[in-house]
Protein backbone atom coordinates (compact mmCIF):
# COMPACT_ATOMS: atom_id res chain seq x y z
CA MET A 1 9.04 6.86 -3.12
CA ARG A 2 7.10 7.47 0.11
CA LYS A 3 3.79 7.77 -1.74
CA ILE A 4 4.41 4.55 -3.66
CA LEU A 5 5.17 2.71 -0.43
CA MET A 6 2.07 4.16 1.24
CA TYR A 7 -0.20 3.15 -1.66
CA LEU A 8 1.35 -0.31 -1.68
CA CYS A 9 0.64 -0.73 2.04
CA ILE A 10 -2.94 0.46 1.56
CA SER A 11 -3.56 -1.93 -1.33
CA ILE A 12 -2.13 -4.88 0.63
CA TRP A 13 -4.32 -3.91 3.61
CA ILE A 14 -7.42 -3.84 1.38
CA VAL A 15 -6.68 -7.30 -0.06
CA ILE A 16 -5.92 -8.82 3.35
CA SER A 17 -9.09 -7.34 4.84
CA CYS A 18 -11.17 -9.17 2.21
CA VAL A 19 -9.85 -12.59 3.30
CA PRO A 20 -12.32 -13.17 6.20
CA ILE A 21 -15.28 -12.61 3.87
CA ILE A 22 -13.90 -15.08 1.35
CA LEU A 23 -12.99 -17.75 3.92
CA THR A 24 -16.22 -17.62 5.93
CA SER A 25 -18.70 -17.18 3.08
CA GLU A 26 -19.51 -20.87 2.69
CA TYR A 27 -20.34 -21.29 6.40
CA LEU A 28 -22.56 -18.21 6.83
CA THR A 29 -26.09 -17.42 5.74
CA GLU A 30 -26.77 -14.78 3.12
CA ALA A 31 -27.84 -12.20 5.74
CA SER A 32 -24.65 -12.77 7.73
CA ILE A 33 -22.54 -12.30 4.62
CA MET A 34 -24.35 -9.06 3.80
CA ALA A 35 -23.79 -7.78 7.36
CA LEU A 36 -20.11 -8.74 7.18
CA MET A 37 -19.72 -7.00 3.81
CA PHE A 38 -21.48 -3.87 5.09
CA GLY A 39 -19.18 -3.72 8.10
CA HIS A 40 -16.18 -4.29 5.85
CA ALA A 41 -17.26 -1.48 3.52
CA ASN A 42 -17.65 0.91 6.46
CA ALA A 43 -14.23 0.01 7.84
CA LEU A 44 -12.72 0.29 4.38
CA CYS A 45 -14.15 3.78 3.84
CA ILE A 46 -12.90 4.93 7.23
CA GLY A 47 -9.47 3.42 6.59
CA VAL A 48 -9.15 5.03 3.16
CA PHE A 49 -10.29 8.38 4.57
CA ILE A 50 -7.73 8.21 7.38
CA SER A 51 -4.96 7.16 4.98
CA ILE A 52 -5.77 10.06 2.62
CA ILE A 53 -5.57 12.49 5.53
CA TYR A 54 -2.31 10.88 6.62
CA ILE A 55 -0.82 11.14 3.11
CA GLU A 56 -1.87 14.77 2.76
CA CYS A 57 -0.39 15.69 6.14
CA TRP A 58 2.80 13.73 5.40
CA ARG A 59 3.73 15.84 2.38
């Protein structure tokens, strides 16, 4: 049950973190969108890495 709850929280966090890109995409230039997506991908990788470590240590 703990793992299911953790994966649910992670998936909700991933979806919510995509909202700024979707909402601001029509007001930004293409280069700004690419920079925003690159920063989002970096933060996403770090967040997933930290959550995997947290799940493994939580067992």
